[in-house]
PDB file of N, CA and C in Angstrom:
ATOM      1  N   MET A   1     -42.707 166.166  74.435  1.00  0.00           N
ATOM      2  CA  MET A   1     -41.742 167.232  74.885  1.00  0.00           C
ATOM      3  C   MET A   1     -41.219 167.622  73.225  1.00  0.00           C
ATOM      4  N   MET A   2     -40.965 166.496  72.100  1.00  0.00           N
ATOM      5  CA  MET A   2     -40.776 166.888  70.981  1.00  0.00           C
ATOM      6  C   MET A   2     -41.784 167.229  70.379  1.00  0.00           C
ATOM      7  N   MET A   3     -43.183 167.125  70.758  1.00  0.00           N
ATOM      8  CA  MET A   3     -44.314 167.534  69.884  1.00  0.00           C
ATOM      9  C   MET A   3     -44.226 169.157  70.499  1.00  0.00           C
ATOM     10  N   ALA A   4     -44.091 169.309  71.635  1.00  0.00           N
ATOM     11  CA  ALA A   4     -44.255 170.887  72.071  1.00  0.00           C
ATOM     12  C   ALA A   4     -43.209 171.360  71.436  1.00  0.00           C
ATOM     13  N   ALA A   5     -41.992 171.019  71.299  1.00  0.00           N
ATOM     14  CA  ALA A   5     -40.853 171.529  70.502  1.00  0.00           C
ATOM     15  C   ALA A   5     -41.522 172.484  69.052  1.00  0.00           C
ATOM     16  N   ASP A   6     -42.119 171.653  68.409  1.00  0.00           N
ATOM     17  CA  ASP A   6     -42.779 172.076  66.998  1.00  0.00           C
ATOM     18  C   ASP A   6     -43.066 173.479  66.906  1.00  0.00           C
ATOM     19  N   PRO A   7     -44.074 174.129  67.737  1.00  0.00           N
ATOM     20  CA  PRO A   7     -44.065 175.398  67.611  1.00  0.00           C
ATOM     21  C   PRO A   7     -43.233 176.411  67.862  1.00  0.00           C
ATOM     22  N   VAL A   8     -42.247 175.637  68.792  1.00  0.00           N
ATOM     23  CA  VAL A   8     -40.816 176.853  69.321  1.00  0.00           C
ATOM     24  C   VAL A   8     -40.043 176.658  68.086  1.00  0.00           C
ATOM     25  N   LEU A   9     -39.845 175.423  67.445  1.00  0.00           N
ATOM     26  CA  LEU A   9     -38.611 175.613  66.533  1.00  0.00           C
ATOM     27  C   LEU A   9     -38.948 175.785  65.026  1.00  0.00           C
ATOM     28  N   ARG A  10     -40.507 175.049  64.561  1.00  0.00           N
ATOM     29  CA  ARG A  10     -40.745 175.325  63.370  1.00  0.00           C
ATOM     30  C   ARG A  10     -40.330 176.696  62.892  1.00  0.00           C
ATOM     31  N   PRO A  11     -40.833 177.690  63.144  1.00  0.00           N
ATOM     32  CA  PRO A  11     -41.079 178.978  62.464  1.00  0.00           C
ATOM     33  C   PRO A  11     -39.530 179.538  62.339  1.00  0.00           C
ATOM     34  N   GLY A  12     -38.741 179.229  63.000  1.00  0.00           N
ATOM     35  CA  GLY A  12     -37.252 179.678  62.674  1.00  0.00           C
ATOM     36  C   GLY A  12     -36.608 178.650  62.003  1.00  0.00           C
ATOM     37  N   ILE A  13     -36.649 177.485  61.713  1.00  0.00           N
ATOM     38  CA  ILE A  13     -36.128 176.540  60.960  1.00  0.00           C
ATOM     39  C   ILE A  13     -36.610 176.871  59.684  1.00  0.00           C
ATOM     40  N   GLU A  14     -37.944 177.173  59.472  1.00  0.00           N
ATOM     41  CA  GLU A  14     -38.302 177.319  58.047  1.00  0.00           C
ATOM     42  C   GLU A  14     -37.836 178.502  57.430  1.00  0.00           C
ATOM     43  N   ALA A  15     -37.640 179.643  58.341  1.00  0.00           N
ATOM     44  CA  ALA A  15     -37.123 180.658  57.843  1.00  0.00           C
ATOM     45  C   ALA A  15     -35.600 180.676  57.363  1.00  0.00           C
ATOM     46  N   MET A  16     -34.829 179.837  57.865  1.00  0.00           N
ATOM     47  CA  MET A  16     -33.638 179.559  57.396  1.00  0.00           C
ATOM     48  C   MET A  16     -33.080 179.243  56.067  1.00  0.00           C
ATOM     49  N   ARG A  17     -31.952 180.269  55.467  1.00  0.00           N
ATOM     50  CA  ARG A  17     -31.622 179.821  54.082  1.00  0.00           C
ATOM     51  C   ARG A  17     -31.296 178.431  53.850  1.00  0.00           C
ATOM     52  N   GLY A  18     -31.472 178.204  52.764  1.00  0.00           N
ATOM     53  CA  GLY A  18     -31.196 176.647  52.283  1.00  0.00           C
ATOM     54  C   GLY A  18     -32.166 175.560  52.620  1.00  0.00           C
ATOM     55  N   LEU A  19     -32.966 175.814  53.552  1.00  0.00           N
ATOM     56  CA  LEU A  19     -33.776 174.306  54.227  1.00  0.00           C
ATOM     57  C   LEU A  19     -34.267 173.795  52.841  1.00  0.00           C
ATOM     58  N   LEU A  20     -34.285 172.497  52.709  1.00  0.00           N
ATOM     59  CA  LEU A  20     -34.886 171.427  51.825  1.00  0.00           C
ATOM     60  C   LEU A  20     -35.951 170.798  52.361  1.00  0.00           C
ATOM     61  N   ALA A  21     -35.620 170.314  53.697  1.00  0.00           N
ATOM     62  CA  ALA A  21     -36.647 169.564  54.408  1.00  0.00           C
ATOM     63  C   ALA A  21     -36.110 169.393  55.593  1.00  0.00           C
ATOM     64  N   PHE A  22     -37.134 168.934  56.875  1.00  0.00           N
ATOM     65  CA  PHE A  22     -36.601 168.779  58.123  1.00  0.00           C
ATOM     66  C   PHE A  22     -37.701 167.931  58.699  1.00  0.00           C
ATOM     67  N   TYR A  23     -37.011 166.761  59.365  1.00  0.00           N
ATOM     68  CA  TYR A  23     -37.851 165.872  59.878  1.00  0.00           C
ATOM     69  C   TYR A  23     -37.397 165.724  61.471  1.00  0.00           C
ATOM     70  N   ALA A  24     -38.407 165.318  62.162  1.00  0.00           N
ATOM     71  CA  ALA A  24     -38.259 164.956  63.463  1.00  0.00           C
ATOM     72  C   ALA A  24     -39.028 163.846  63.993  1.00  0.00           C
ATOM     73  N   GLY A  25     -38.220 162.697  64.370  1.00  0.00           N
ATOM     74  CA  GLY A  25     -38.952 161.444  64.658  1.00  0.00           C
ATOM     75  C   GLY A  25     -38.620 161.159  65.921  1.00  0.00           C
ATOM     76  N   ALA A  26     -39.477 160.034  66.208  1.00  0.00           N
ATOM     77  CA  ALA A  26     -39.117 159.286  67.654  1.00  0.00           C
ATOM     78  C   ALA A  26     -39.479 157.831  67.403  1.00  0.00           C
ATOM     79  N   ASP A  27     -38.558 156.871  68.048  1.00  0.00           N
ATOM     80  CA  ASP A  27     -38.330 155.447  68.111  1.00  0.00           C
ATOM     81  C   ASP A  27     -38.652 155.211  69.620  1.00  0.00           C
ATOM     82  N   GLU A  28     -40.171 154.614  69.768  1.00  0.00           N
ATOM     83  CA  GLU A  28     -40.679 154.278  71.016  1.00  0.00           C
ATOM     84  C   GLU A  28     -39.901 153.237  71.492  1.00  0.00           C
ATOM     85  N   ALA A  29     -39.379 151.918  70.710  1.00  0.00           N
ATOM     86  CA  ALA A  29     -38.651 150.853  71.297  1.00  0.00           C
ATOM     87  C   ALA A  29     -37.491 151.030  71.763  1.00  0.00           C
ATOM     88  N   THR A  30     -36.506 152.448  71.411  1.00  0.00           N
ATOM     89  CA  THR A  30     -35.618 152.494  72.000  1.00  0.00           C
ATOM     90  C   THR A  30     -35.646 153.828  72.557  1.00  0.00           C
ATOM     91  N   SER A  31     -36.808 154.467  72.590  1.00  0.00           N
ATOM     92  CA  SER A  31     -36.985 155.955  73.644  1.00  0.00           C
ATOM     93  C   SER A  31     -35.848 156.921  72.863  1.00  0.00           C
ATOM     94  N   SER A  32     -35.687 156.962  71.561  1.00  0.00           N
ATOM     95  CA  SER A  32     -34.789 157.941  71.148  1.00  0.00           C
ATOM     96  C   SER A  32     -35.413 158.647  70.175  1.00  0.00           C
ATOM     97  N   LEU A  33     -34.873 160.014  70.082  1.00  0.00           N
ATOM     98  CA  LEU A  33     -35.352 161.104  68.996  1.00  0.00           C
ATOM     99  C   LEU A  33     -34.269 161.325  68.110  1.00  0.00           C
ATOM    100  N   SER A  34     -34.755 161.497  66.779  1.00  0.00           N
ATOM    101  CA  SER A  34     -33.592 161.987  65.953  1.00  0.00           C
ATOM    102  C   SER A  34     -34.269 163.381  64.815  1.00  0.00           C
ATOM    103  N   ASN A  35     -33.438 164.118  64.573  1.00  0.00           N
ATOM    104  CA  ASN A  35     -34.034 165.129  63.691  1.00  0.00           C
ATOM    105  C   ASN A  35     -33.024 164.912  62.356  1.00  0.00           C
ATOM    106  N   VAL A  36     -33.475 164.835  61.410  1.00  0.00           N
ATOM    107  CA  VAL A  36     -32.796 164.906  59.851  1.00  0.00           C
ATOM    108  C   VAL A  36     -33.411 166.160  58.995  1.00  0.00           C
ATOM    109  N   SER A  37     -32.357 166.669  58.645  1.00  0.00           N
ATOM    110  CA  SER A  37     -32.611 167.837  57.893  1.00  0.00           C
ATOM    111  C   SER A  37     -31.849 167.819  56.500  1.00  0.00           C
ATOM    112  N   ILE A  38     -32.245 168.365  55.603  1.00  0.00           N
ATOM    113  CA  ILE A  38     -31.532 168.525  54.258  1.00  0.00           C
ATOM    114  C   ILE A  38     -31.689 169.618  53.662  1.00  0.00           C
ATOM    115  N   TRP A  39     -30.318 170.416  53.599  1.00  0.00           N
ATOM    116  CA  TRP A  39     -29.960 171.809  53.044  1.00  0.00           C
ATOM    117  C   TRP A  39     -29.093 171.825  51.759  1.00  0.00           C
ATOM    118  N   ASN A  40     -29.168 172.936  51.336  1.00  0.00           N
ATOM    119  CA  ASN A  40     -28.357 173.038  50.000  1.00  0.00           C
ATOM    120  C   ASN A  40     -26.913 173.048  50.033  1.00  0.00           C
ATOM    121  N   THR A  41     -26.342 173.650  51.216  1.00  0.00           N
ATOM    122  CA  THR A  41     -24.791 173.568  51.585  1.00  0.00           C
ATOM    123  C   THR A  41     -24.781 173.155  52.949  1.00  0.00           C
ATOM    124  N   LEU A  42     -23.482 172.822  53.258  1.00  0.00           N
ATOM    125  CA  LEU A  42     -23.134 172.533  54.564  1.00  0.00           C
ATOM    126  C   LEU A  42     -23.077 173.931  55.380  1.00  0.00           C
ATOM    127  N   ALA A  43     -23.037 175.058  54.995  1.00  0.00           N
ATOM    128  CA  ALA A  43     -23.105 176.254  55.603  1.00  0.00           C
ATOM    129  C   ALA A  43     -24.408 176.408  55.972  1.00  0.00           C
ATOM    130  N   ASP A  44     -25.376 176.235  55.033  1.00  0.00           N
ATOM    131  CA  ASP A  44     -26.959 176.344  55.537  1.00  0.00           C
ATOM    132  C   ASP A  44     -27.364 175.473  56.598  1.00  0.00           C
ATOM    133  N   ALA A  45     -26.585 174.114  56.504  1.00  0.00           N
ATOM    134  CA  ALA A  45     -26.845 173.208  57.439  1.00  0.00           C
ATOM    135  C   ALA A  45     -26.482 173.704  59.003  1.00  0.00           C
ATOM    136  N   LYS A  46     -25.032 174.355  58.966  1.00  0.00           N
ATOM    137  CA  LYS A  46     -24.545 174.630  60.249  1.00  0.00           C
ATOM    138  C   LYS A  46     -25.471 175.740  60.871  1.00  0.00           C
ATOM    139  N   GLN A  47     -26.196 176.612  60.483  1.00  0.00           N
ATOM    140  CA  GLN A  47     -27.116 177.419  61.031  1.00  0.00           C
ATOM    141  C   GLN A  47     -27.875 176.496  62.106  1.00  0.00           C
ATOM    142  N   LEU A  48     -28.080 175.473  62.187  1.00  0.00           N
ATOM    143  CA  LEU A  48     -28.922 174.814  63.181  1.00  0.00           C
ATOM    144  C   LEU A  48     -27.804 174.893  64.592  1.00  0.00           C
ATOM    145  N   ASP A  49     -26.573 174.743  64.406  1.00  0.00           N
ATOM    146  CA  ASP A  49     -25.537 174.795  65.497  1.00  0.00           C
ATOM    147  C   ASP A  49     -25.750 176.094  66.356  1.00  0.00           C
ATOM    148  N   THR A  50     -25.958 177.241  65.764  1.00  0.00           N
ATOM    149  CA  THR A  50     -26.268 178.433  66.813  1.00  0.00           C
ATOM    150  C   THR A  50     -27.465 178.704  66.771  1.00  0.00           C
ATOM    151  N   PHE A  51     -28.866 178.040  66.413  1.00  0.00           N
ATOM    152  CA  PHE A  51     -30.008 178.113  66.512  1.00  0.00           C
ATOM    153  C   PHE A  51     -30.625 178.345  67.966  1.00  0.00           C
ATOM    154  N   GLN A  52     -30.621 179.767  68.284  1.00  0.00           N
ATOM    155  CA  GLN A  52     -30.852 179.542  69.961  1.00  0.00           C
ATOM    156  C   GLN A  52     -31.969 178.985  70.626  1.00  0.00           C
ATOM    157  N   PRO A  53     -33.393 178.969  69.761  1.00  0.00           N
ATOM    158  CA  PRO A  53     -34.543 178.380  70.426  1.00  0.00           C
ATOM    159  C   PRO A  53     -34.089 176.787  70.699  1.00  0.00           C
ATOM    160  N   MET A  54     -33.389 176.277  69.348  1.00  0.00           N
ATOM    161  CA  MET A  54     -33.218 174.838  69.849  1.00  0.00           C
ATOM    162  C   MET A  54     -31.948 174.377  70.604  1.00  0.00           C
ATOM    163  N   LEU A  55     -30.956 175.424  70.925  1.00  0.00           N
ATOM    164  CA  LEU A  55     -30.160 175.369  72.137  1.00  0.00           C
ATOM    165  C   LEU A  55     -30.821 175.470  73.308  1.00  0.00           C
ATOM    166  N   GLU A  56     -31.740 176.354  73.525  1.00  0.00           N
ATOM    167  CA  GLU A  56     -32.600 176.232  74.792  1.00  0.00           C
ATOM    168  C   GLU A  56     -33.469 175.162  74.778  1.00  0.00           C
ATOM    169  N   LEU A  57     -33.923 174.760  74.244  1.00  0.00           N
ATOM    170  CA  LEU A  57     -34.549 173.387  74.347  1.00  0.00           C
ATOM    171  C   LEU A  57     -33.779 172.484  74.634  1.00  0.00           C
ATOM    172  N   GLY A  58     -32.450 172.116  74.137  1.00  0.00           N
ATOM    173  CA  GLY A  58     -31.417 171.149  74.373  1.00  0.00           C
ATOM    174  C   GLY A  58     -31.419 171.367  75.881  1.00  0.00           C
ATOM    175  N   LYS A  59     -31.227 172.450  76.466  1.00  0.00           N
ATOM    176  CA  LYS A  59     -31.066 172.437  78.023  1.00  0.00           C
ATOM    177  C   LYS A  59     -32.115 171.786  78.714  1.00  0.00           C
ATOM    178  N   THR A  60     -33.640 171.814  78.260  1.00  0.00           N
ATOM    179  CA  THR A  60     -34.703 171.698  78.978  1.00  0.00           C
ATOM    180  C   THR A  60     -34.671 169.911  78.722  1.00  0.00           C
ATOM    181  N   PHE A  61     -34.300 169.525  77.422  1.00  0.00           N
ATOM    182  CA  PHE A  61     -34.447 168.054  77.410  1.00  0.00           C
ATOM    183  C   PHE A  61     -33.318 167.429  77.934  1.00  0.00           C
ATOM    184  N   SER A  62     -32.156 167.875  78.249  1.00  0.00           N
ATOM    185  CA  SER A  62     -31.135 167.405  79.321  1.00  0.00           C
ATOM    186  C   SER A  62     -31.397 167.435  80.606  1.00  0.00           C
ATOM    187  N   ALA A  63     -32.108 168.376  80.999  1.00  0.00           N
ATOM    188  CA  ALA A  63     -32.580 168.456  82.234  1.00  0.00           C
ATOM    189  C   ALA A  63     -33.614 167.316  82.622  1.00  0.00           C
ATOM    190  N   SER A  64     -34.132 166.822  81.706  1.00  0.00           N
ATOM    191  CA  SER A  64     -35.287 165.447  81.795  1.00  0.00           C
ATOM    192  C   SER A  64     -34.406 164.430  81.495  1.00  0.00           C
ATOM    193  N   GLY A  65     -33.296 164.126  81.224  1.00  0.00           N
ATOM    194  CA  GLY A  65     -32.588 163.094  81.132  1.00  0.00           C
ATOM    195  C   GLY A  65     -31.938 162.783  79.414  1.00  0.00           C
ATOM    196  N   ALA A  66     -32.593 163.506  78.872  1.00  0.00           N
ATOM    197  CA  ALA A  66     -32.005 163.269  77.600  1.00  0.00           C
ATOM    198  C   ALA A  66     -30.073 163.290  77.157  1.00  0.00           C
ATOM    199  N   THR A  67     -29.410 162.639  76.363  1.00  0.00           N
ATOM    200  CA  THR A  67     -28.403 163.107  75.696  1.00  0.00           C
ATOM    201  C   THR A  67     -28.291 163.219  74.351  1.00  0.00           C
ATOM    202  N   PHE A  68     -26.920 163.844  73.919  1.00  0.00           N
ATOM    203  CA  PHE A  68     -27.165 164.268  72.664  1.00  0.00           C
ATOM    204  C   PHE A  68     -25.880 163.922  72.159  1.00  0.00           C
ATOM    205  N   GLU A  69     -25.822 163.289  70.982  1.00  0.00           N
ATOM    206  CA  GLU A  69     -24.342 163.113  70.071  1.00  0.00           C
ATOM    207  C   GLU A  69     -23.882 164.006  69.593  1.00  0.00           C
ATOM    208  N   ARG A  70     -22.671 164.294  70.139  1.00  0.00           N
ATOM    209  CA  ARG A  70     -21.964 165.444  69.652  1.00  0.00           C
ATOM    210  C   ARG A  70     -20.662 164.916  68.933  1.00  0.00           C
ATOM    211  N   PRO A  71     -19.900 165.542  67.989  1.00  0.00           N
ATOM    212  CA  PRO A  71     -20.528 166.773  67.278  1.00  0.00           C
ATOM    213  C   PRO A  71     -21.630 166.385  66.807  1.00  0.00           C
ATOM    214  N   VAL A  72     -22.517 167.342  66.263  1.00  0.00           N
ATOM    215  CA  VAL A  72     -23.590 167.144  65.255  1.00  0.00           C
ATOM    216  C   VAL A  72     -23.236 166.429  63.885  1.00  0.00           C
ATOM    217  N   MET A  73     -23.545 165.539  63.321  1.00  0.00           N
ATOM    218  CA  MET A  73     -23.118 165.098  61.977  1.00  0.00           C
ATOM    219  C   MET A  73     -23.612 165.619  60.684  1.00  0.00           C
ATOM    220  N   ASN A  74     -22.988 166.112  59.697  1.00  0.00           N
ATOM    221  CA  ASN A  74     -23.368 166.555  58.490  1.00  0.00           C
ATOM    222  C   ASN A  74     -23.143 165.746  57.462  1.00  0.00           C
ATOM    223  N   TYR A  75     -23.859 165.334  56.513  1.00  0.00           N
ATOM    224  CA  TYR A  75     -23.315 164.220  55.688  1.00  0.00           C
ATOM    225  C   TYR A  75     -23.476 165.001  54.159  1.00  0.00           C
ATOM    226  N   SER A  76     -22.666 164.669  53.099  1.00  0.00           N
ATOM    227  CA  SER A  76     -23.033 164.742  51.981  1.00  0.00           C
ATOM    228  C   SER A  76     -23.548 163.802  51.162  1.00  0.00           C
ATOM    229  N   THR A  77     -24.508 164.418  50.137  1.00  0.00           N
ATOM    230  CA  THR A  77     -25.420 163.117  49.717  1.00  0.00           C
ATOM    231  C   THR A  77     -24.151 162.479  48.635  1.00  0.00           C
ATOM    232  N   LEU A  78     -24.559 161.265  48.696  1.00  0.00           N
ATOM    233  CA  LEU A  78     -23.789 160.592  47.593  1.00  0.00           C
ATOM    234  C   LEU A  78     -24.795 159.777  46.772  1.00  0.00           C
ATOM    235  N   TRP A  79     -26.188 159.545  47.056  1.00  0.00           N
ATOM    236  CA  TRP A  79     -27.047 159.117  46.167  1.00  0.00           C
ATOM    237  C   TRP A  79     -28.404 158.967  46.833  1.00  0.00           C
ATOM    238  N   GLN A  80     -29.445 158.784  45.924  1.00  0.00           N
ATOM    239  CA  GLN A  80     -30.546 159.061  46.463  1.00  0.00           C
ATOM    240  C   GLN A  80     -31.754 157.999  45.552  1.00  0.00           C
ATOM    241  N   VAL A  81     -32.648 157.517  46.582  1.00  0.00           N
ATOM    242  CA  VAL A  81     -33.846 156.777  46.267  1.00  0.00           C
ATOM    243  C   VAL A  81     -35.155 157.579  46.241  1.00  0.00           C
ATOM    244  N   SER A  82     -36.022 157.665  45.117  1.00  0.00           N
ATOM    245  CA  SER A  82     -37.355 158.092  45.500  1.00  0.00           C
ATOM    246  C   SER A  82     -38.359 157.259  44.746  1.00  0.00           C
ATOM    247  N   SER A  83     -39.269 157.568  45.303  1.00  0.00           N
ATOM    248  CA  SER A  83     -40.690 156.801  44.928  1.00  0.00           C
ATOM    249  C   SER A  83     -40.933 156.788  43.534  1.00  0.00           C
ATOM    250  N   GLY A  84     -40.749 157.957  43.080  1.00  0.00           N
ATOM    251  CA  GLY A  84     -41.102 158.384  41.636  1.00  0.00           C
ATOM    252  C   GLY A  84     -42.719 158.603  41.895  1.00  0.00           C
ATOM    253  N   LYS A  85     -43.432 158.450  42.651  1.00  0.00           N
ATOM    254  CA  LYS A  85     -44.919 158.633  42.828  1.00  0.00           C
ATOM    255  C   LYS A  85     -45.095 160.375  43.384  1.00  0.00           C
ATOM    256  N   SER A  86     -46.282 160.842  42.653  1.00  0.00           N
ATOM    257  CA  SER A  86     -46.718 162.321  43.248  1.00  0.00           C
ATOM    258  C   SER A  86     -47.735 162.445  44.335  1.00  0.00           C
TER     259      SER A  86
END
């Protein structure tokens, strides 16, 4: 389901103001999914809270047994590590 969500969500997310990166991942061992995104500002990040295609897919995921952590957590960057490799 998460792979099928990519073409539905990607165009709208890529068009959002302030997007720096968006990652969707799965942990097979715990049967869990995670989205992590990086934005210029908190206001930019909060665009996802009202992104209708994501809200609609959430209903589909819930109908299949998924649960979501609410509220959506938004974190300020305190420090960063990078590999430094190109």
